[in-house]
Amino acid sequence: MYKKLLFLCVFLFVFGILFADNINATIEINGVIVNGGLVYVAVYSNENDYKAEKPFVKFILNPASGRITHSLELPNGEYVVSVFQDTNSNGDLDTNLFGIPSEPIGKTNYGLRGAPGGFNKLKTPVNKNSAKLIVNMGKVKALGII
């Protein structure tokens, strides 16, 4: 009996540590093409994983409107949300000859002009005071001339 009680106490302690700092965050994606294909979402929690394209969490959304909201639990920290809409339903982000995406994309803190920049430029804090990650989607305007 003592071992079971001890195990339960340790389990609850560890569970509490792991999930104590989680925040109910909301991702808001604007500019989605209705009936334009699935929206692929990747959430990155640090610069190394962003560079290696290893998301903290990823998921796919089927949009019903031009604005999608999705809630998820995230630990306190800084995050970059990267999305693209798969308009031709091939499961990949298509690019042109120069590597510029030919399908709608979006990232937190990215204005869709030129290269988006790295993790530190795109990151958004998630904490008890700020738990909304906003992404505006559209076609990339290379050098601001398109």
Foldseek 3Di string as FASTA:
>chain_A
DVVVVVVVVVVVVVVCVVQVQKDWFKEKEAQDDAVQAKKKKFKAFDQVCQVVVNGPDIDIGRDHDRMDMDIDIDGWGKMKMKMWGDRPPPPDQDADPVRFTPTKIWMAQAPLEADRDTRVNRIDTDGPVDRYTYIYIDGRHYNVPD
